[in-house]
Amino acid sequence: MRRQLLSLLLVLAAAGCRTTQPPATQERQATLAPSGFVGLRDFAFAMDLDYRGDRAGFVELSYPPDSVVLVPGETTARVNGRPVSMDRPMIRMGDGYALSGRDAAKLEGALGDARRSRPAPVVRTPVPAPSKRVDFPAAWVPRAAERRWGWIIVHHSDAFAGNAASIDRFHRSTKGWENGLGYDFVIGNGSQSGDGEIEVGPRWRDQLTGAHTKVEGDATNRWNETGIGICLVGNFMSERPTSRQMDALVRLVNALRERYEIPADRVLGHGKVDRTDCPGTWFPWAELRRRMR
């Protein structure tokens, strides 16, 4: 899907046009700069890299062992430490940068060559895992009979401050939801609850249907029926989660995955299944994937 997205971006860049609304399965909307340039955040997403912008005067797109480093004003990029000549420097675009479609294709090719040249990973016989319930804290154990959960859906609150209680009030007063808080878990950012504090919602304790991922046209309501909703307080369209929030999220996701045998590819962002930016373009998916066990 991501390589197809990059191919589409390159075609559109060559044509000098802009993208339209993406399909529902795409995590974020592609953005093209004028005159056939590809946004670096879109390039990073398509190549499964994290975007780290403007630190010490350069841009790095990375997800170990891969790294692409670009310096403003220079026509040489470094892909995994090797120089790659570009036709022109990257240009400033909004709060980030963009590349010409031709240069994006060059970097894609260099990354592809590097990935294909790596030896296949050594397959080791797995060590039998301990009981799937061993690391599950008592505070997270539901008081009702447990459902058969199959997905984990990650959200942001789209607000810089909040906690489970404030979101509960909003869901009751504005949404009109009798059961209140639509998420199963809320992870604080230090504003109205502890930084990295995991709050357990009433829906989780009573194993009720969630109210966090209702997709129009989905009569089964499967994301709420079988998906565990985790909300991190914050607006990740303009900032990243705190390090303590990410530590808490990793701990929670790993525990839930072990207890309910949820595969890693079933840990999704809200925007992966619906037309939304949630949990924001600054949410560090590569870090979460790397830390999931």
Protein backbone atom coordinates (compact mmCIF):
# COMPACT_ATOMS: atom_id res chain seq x y z
CA MET A 1 0.00 0.00 0.00
CA ARG A 2 2.77 2.46 0.93
CA ARG A 3 4.81 1.73 -2.18
CA GLN A 4 1.67 2.19 -4.25
CA LEU A 5 1.14 5.52 -2.51
CA LEU A 6 4.67 6.63 -3.37
CA SER A 7 4.20 5.58 -6.99
CA LEU A 8 1.02 7.66 -7.10
CA LEU A 9 2.84 10.63 -5.57
CA LEU A 10 5.61 10.39 -8.16
CA VAL A 11 3.10 10.21 -11.02
CA LEU A 12 1.24 13.23 -9.67
CA ALA A 13 4.49 15.12 -9.12
CA ALA A 14 5.47 14.50 -12.72
CA ALA A 15 2.09 15.85 -13.80
CA GLY A 16 2.37 18.87 -11.49
CA CYS A 17 -1.03 18.22 -9.91
CA ARG A 18 -2.41 17.70 -6.39
CA THR A 19 -3.80 14.62 -4.70
CA THR A 20 -7.46 14.12 -3.95
CA GLN A 21 -9.12 12.63 -0.85
CA PRO A 22 -7.44 9.28 -0.04
CA PRO A 23 -9.22 5.96 0.40
CA ALA A 24 -10.44 5.02 3.86
CA THR A 25 -7.57 2.61 4.43
CA GLN A 26 -4.90 5.30 4.05
CA GLU A 27 -3.51 6.70 7.34
CA ARG A 28 -2.92 10.23 6.16
CA GLN A 29 -3.65 12.41 3.15
CA ALA A 30 -0.82 12.89 0.67
CA THR A 31 0.24 16.51 0.12
CA LEU A 32 2.12 17.81 -2.88
CA ALA A 33 3.95 21.10 -3.02
CA PRO A 34 3.49 23.26 -6.14
CA SER A 35 5.29 22.43 -9.36
CA GLY A 36 5.53 18.68 -9.00
CA PHE A 37 7.21 18.26 -5.62
CA VAL A 38 6.60 15.44 -3.14
CA GLY A 39 6.23 16.32 0.54
CA LEU A 40 8.96 14.68 2.64
CA ARG A 41 6.43 13.52 5.24
CA ASP A 42 4.53 11.69 2.49
CA PHE A 43 7.78 10.20 1.16
CA ALA A 44 8.72 9.07 4.68
CA PHE A 45 5.30 7.48 5.21
CA ALA A 46 5.41 5.65 1.87
CA MET A 47 8.91 4.30 2.57
CA ASP A 48 8.05 3.31 6.18
CA LEU A 49 10.38 5.89 7.76
CA ASP A 50 9.97 8.39 10.60
CA TYR A 51 10.24 12.10 9.72
CA ARG A 52 12.57 14.09 11.98
CA GLY A 53 12.64 17.67 10.77
CA ASP A 54 14.93 20.64 11.16
CA ARG A 55 17.08 19.42 14.03
CA ALA A 56 20.61 20.82 13.81
CA GLY A 57 19.78 22.21 10.38
CA PHE A 58 19.02 18.98 8.54
CA VAL A 59 16.18 16.54 7.93
CA GLU A 60 16.44 12.83 8.73
CA LEU A 61 14.02 10.13 7.63
CA SER A 62 14.81 7.00 9.57
CA TYR A 63 13.67 3.61 10.75
CA PRO A 64 16.71 1.47 11.61
CA PRO A 65 18.65 0.24 9.82
CA ASP A 66 17.57 2.74 7.13
CA SER A 67 18.36 6.46 7.23
CA VAL A 68 18.02 9.30 4.70
CA VAL A 69 19.70 12.60 5.60
CA LEU A 70 19.07 15.80 3.63
CA VAL A 71 20.62 19.23 4.24
CA PRO A 72 18.89 22.46 3.14
CA GLY A 73 20.61 24.01 0.12
CA GLU A 74 22.61 20.89 -0.78
CA THR A 75 22.08 18.56 -3.73
CA THR A 76 23.63 15.52 -2.07
CA ALA A 77 21.57 13.29 0.20
CA ARG A 78 22.96 10.40 2.24
CA VAL A 79 21.11 7.09 2.16
CA ASN A 80 22.43 4.78 4.88
CA GLY A 81 25.63 6.86 4.85
CA ARG A 82 26.13 6.68 1.07
CA PRO A 83 25.91 9.88 -1.04
CA VAL A 84 23.10 10.18 -3.59
CA SER A 85 23.21 13.12 -6.02
CA MET A 86 19.95 14.99 -6.54
CA ASP A 87 18.95 17.39 -9.31
CA ARG A 88 18.10 20.19 -6.89
CA PRO A 89 17.92 20.86 -3.14
CA MET A 90 14.75 20.21 -1.18
CA ILE A 91 12.42 23.17 -0.89
CA ARG A 92 10.62 24.59 2.13
CA MET A 93 6.95 23.56 2.29
CA GLY A 94 4.77 24.69 5.19
CA ASP A 95 6.36 23.33 8.36
CA GLY A 96 8.48 20.83 6.44
CA TYR A 97 10.22 20.21 3.13
CA ALA A 98 9.54 18.69 -0.28
CA LEU A 99 11.57 17.00 -3.04
CA SER A 100 11.13 17.01 -6.78
CA GLY A 101 9.45 13.87 -8.08
CA ARG A 102 12.66 12.92 -9.88
CA ASP A 103 14.76 13.19 -6.72
CA ALA A 104 12.17 11.28 -4.69
CA ALA A 105 12.44 8.46 -7.25
CA LYS A 106 16.24 8.47 -6.90
CA LEU A 107 16.03 8.14 -3.12
CA GLU A 108 13.40 5.42 -3.43
CA GLY A 109 15.73 3.50 -5.74
CA ALA A 110 18.70 3.88 -3.39
CA LEU A 111 16.63 2.65 -0.44
CA GLY A 112 15.31 -0.26 -2.48
CA ASP A 113 18.85 -1.29 -3.47
CA ALA A 114 19.99 -1.13 0.15
CA ARG A 115 17.07 -3.22 1.38
CA ARG A 116 17.46 -5.86 -1.32
CA SER A 117 21.18 -6.24 -0.60
CA ARG A 118 20.68 -7.16 3.05
CA PRO A 119 20.96 -10.83 4.03
CA ALA A 120 17.77 -12.55 5.05
CA PRO A 121 17.23 -12.49 8.81
CA VAL A 122 18.24 -15.56 10.77
CA VAL A 123 15.18 -17.54 11.83
CA ARG A 124 15.58 -18.85 15.36
CA THR A 125 13.41 -21.35 17.15
CA PRO A 126 11.18 -19.26 19.42
CA VAL A 127 11.42 -19.74 23.15
CA PRO A 128 8.03 -20.72 24.62
CA ALA A 129 6.35 -17.60 26.01
CA PRO A 130 5.16 -17.43 29.61
CA SER A 131 1.47 -17.38 30.42
CA LYS A 132 -0.30 -14.67 28.46
CA ARG A 133 -1.84 -13.38 31.69
CA VAL A 134 1.36 -13.10 33.70
CA ASP A 135 2.17 -9.42 32.91
CA PHE A 136 -1.42 -8.15 32.97
CA PRO A 137 -1.86 -5.80 35.95
CA ALA A 138 -4.83 -6.46 38.20
CA ALA A 139 -6.12 -2.92 37.58
CA TRP A 140 -6.59 -3.76 33.89
CA VAL A 141 -8.51 -6.99 34.43
CA PRO A 142 -12.21 -6.47 33.56
CA ARG A 143 -14.81 -7.21 36.22
CA ALA A 144 -17.17 -8.66 33.58
CA ALA A 145 -16.68 -11.73 31.37
CA GLU A 146 -14.03 -10.85 28.80
CA ARG A 147 -14.86 -10.40 25.13
CA ARG A 148 -12.91 -11.92 22.27
CA TRP A 149 -10.94 -8.82 21.26
CA GLY A 150 -9.22 -8.80 17.87
CA TRP A 151 -7.99 -5.24 17.23
CA ILE A 152 -6.35 -2.29 19.00
CA ILE A 153 -7.25 1.17 17.70
CA VAL A 154 -5.03 4.13 18.68
CA HIS A 155 -6.45 7.67 18.92
CA HIS A 156 -5.42 11.13 20.07
CA SER A 157 -7.81 13.37 21.99
CA ASP A 158 -7.21 16.28 19.54
CA ALA A 159 -6.84 18.58 22.57
CA PHE A 160 -3.71 19.67 24.40
CA ALA A 161 -5.17 18.99 27.87
CA GLY A 162 -7.56 16.45 29.32
CA ASN A 163 -8.05 13.15 31.08
CA ALA A 164 -10.59 10.33 31.20
CA ALA A 165 -13.02 12.40 33.28
CA SER A 166 -12.98 15.43 30.96
CA ILE A 167 -13.42 13.25 27.86
CA ASP A 168 -16.24 11.40 29.64
CA ARG A 169 -18.03 14.71 30.30
CA PHE A 170 -17.61 15.72 26.65
CA HIS A 171 -18.95 12.40 25.37
CA ARG A 172 -21.97 12.60 27.67
CA SER A 173 -22.85 16.27 27.17
CA THR A 174 -21.90 16.79 23.52
CA LYS A 175 -22.23 13.31 22.03
CA GLY A 176 -25.18 12.30 24.23
CA TRP A 177 -23.67 8.91 25.04
CA GLU A 178 -25.33 7.39 28.10
CA ASN A 179 -22.30 5.20 28.82
CA GLY A 180 -19.97 8.19 28.58
CA LEU A 181 -16.29 7.73 27.77
CA GLY A 182 -16.08 5.96 24.41
CA TYR A 183 -12.50 4.73 24.84
CA ASP A 184 -11.37 1.73 26.84
CA PHE A 185 -8.15 3.36 28.04
CA VAL A 186 -6.87 6.96 28.23
CA ILE A 187 -3.16 7.82 28.58
CA GLY A 188 -2.47 11.22 30.16
CA ASN A 189 0.13 13.80 29.14
CA GLY A 190 0.56 15.51 32.52
CA SER A 191 -2.09 18.19 31.97
CA GLN A 192 -5.07 16.84 33.94
CA SER A 193 -3.68 13.42 34.82
CA GLY A 194 -0.18 12.05 35.20
CA ASP A 195 2.22 12.07 32.26
CA GLY A 196 1.96 8.47 31.02
CA GLU A 197 -0.82 7.61 33.49
CA ILE A 198 -3.09 4.85 32.13
CA GLU A 199 -6.72 5.38 33.08
CA VAL A 200 -9.11 2.45 32.68
CA GLY A 201 -12.56 3.34 31.36
CA PRO A 202 -15.90 1.94 32.58
CA ARG A 203 -16.60 0.35 29.19
CA TRP A 204 -13.45 -1.76 29.59
CA ARG A 205 -14.24 -2.79 33.15
CA ASP A 206 -17.75 -3.90 32.14
CA GLN A 207 -16.66 -5.14 28.66
CA LEU A 208 -19.20 -2.92 26.89
CA THR A 209 -19.14 -2.03 23.20
CA GLY A 210 -16.81 0.90 22.57
CA ALA A 211 -17.72 4.24 21.00
CA HIS A 212 -14.40 5.28 19.49
CA THR A 213 -14.35 4.07 15.88
CA LYS A 214 -17.75 4.20 14.22
CA VAL A 215 -17.27 3.96 10.45
CA GLU A 216 -20.07 5.17 8.21
CA GLY A 217 -21.61 2.31 6.25
CA ASP A 218 -20.21 -0.41 8.54
CA ALA A 219 -23.36 -2.17 9.76
CA THR A 220 -21.32 -4.60 11.87
CA ASN A 221 -19.72 -1.81 13.96
CA ARG A 222 -16.77 -4.20 14.19
CA TRP A 223 -14.15 -1.68 15.29
CA ASN A 224 -16.18 -0.89 18.42
CA GLU A 225 -17.41 -4.45 18.96
CA THR A 226 -14.01 -6.15 18.65
CA GLY A 227 -11.53 -3.27 18.85
CA ILE A 228 -9.91 -1.93 22.03
CA GLY A 229 -9.85 1.89 21.91
CA ILE A 230 -6.78 3.62 23.40
CA CYS A 231 -6.72 7.44 23.47
CA LEU A 232 -3.58 9.47 24.15
CA VAL A 233 -4.28 12.98 25.43
CA GLY A 234 -2.80 15.55 23.04
CA ASN A 235 -3.04 16.95 19.53
CA PHE A 236 -0.54 15.07 17.40
CA MET A 237 -1.22 17.19 14.34
CA SER A 238 1.19 19.70 15.90
CA GLU A 239 3.20 17.80 18.53
CA ARG A 240 4.41 14.32 19.39
CA PRO A 241 3.26 12.24 22.36
CA THR A 242 5.48 12.58 25.42
CA SER A 243 8.09 9.91 25.99
CA ARG A 244 6.18 8.70 29.04
CA GLN A 245 2.99 8.43 27.01
CA MET A 246 4.81 6.27 24.46
CA ASP A 247 6.31 4.09 27.23
CA ALA A 248 2.82 3.59 28.69
CA LEU A 249 1.29 2.90 25.28
CA VAL A 250 3.93 0.28 24.48
CA ARG A 251 3.39 -1.41 27.84
CA LEU A 252 -0.39 -1.41 27.41
CA VAL A 253 -0.37 -2.56 23.78
CA ASN A 254 2.07 -5.38 24.47
CA ALA A 255 0.04 -6.60 27.45
CA LEU A 256 -3.24 -6.50 25.49
CA ARG A 257 -1.69 -8.23 22.49
CA GLU A 258 -0.36 -11.06 24.67
CA ARG A 259 -3.57 -11.51 26.64
CA TYR A 260 -5.89 -11.55 23.61
CA GLU A 261 -3.41 -12.89 21.00
CA ILE A 262 -3.75 -9.81 18.78
CA PRO A 263 -1.25 -9.76 15.85
CA ALA A 264 0.95 -6.70 15.40
CA ASP A 265 -0.72 -5.83 12.09
CA ARG A 266 -4.02 -5.44 13.94
CA VAL A 267 -2.73 -2.46 15.93
CA LEU A 268 -4.05 0.42 13.83
CA GLY A 269 -4.56 4.15 13.96
CA HIS A 270 -8.10 5.50 13.76
CA GLY A 271 -7.22 7.03 10.39
CA LYS A 272 -6.33 3.61 9.01
CA VAL A 273 -9.99 2.54 9.04
CA ASP A 274 -11.83 5.85 8.67
CA ARG A 275 -11.47 9.22 6.94
CA THR A 276 -9.68 11.08 9.71
CA ASP A 277 -6.19 12.34 10.57
CA CYS A 278 -6.41 10.72 14.03
CA PRO A 279 -4.04 10.01 15.77
CA GLY A 280 -2.24 12.82 13.92
CA THR A 281 0.63 13.12 11.46
CA TRP A 282 3.19 13.46 14.28
CA PHE A 283 2.28 10.18 15.93
CA PRO A 284 5.47 8.03 15.84
CA TRP A 285 4.20 4.82 14.26
CA ALA A 286 7.67 3.53 13.46
CA GLU A 287 8.64 3.77 17.15
CA LEU A 288 5.52 1.90 18.24
CA ARG A 289 6.05 -0.85 15.66
CA ARG A 290 9.70 -1.18 16.68
CA ARG A 291 8.84 -1.54 20.36
CA MET A 292 5.97 -4.02 19.99
CA ARG A 293 7.06 -7.51 20.98
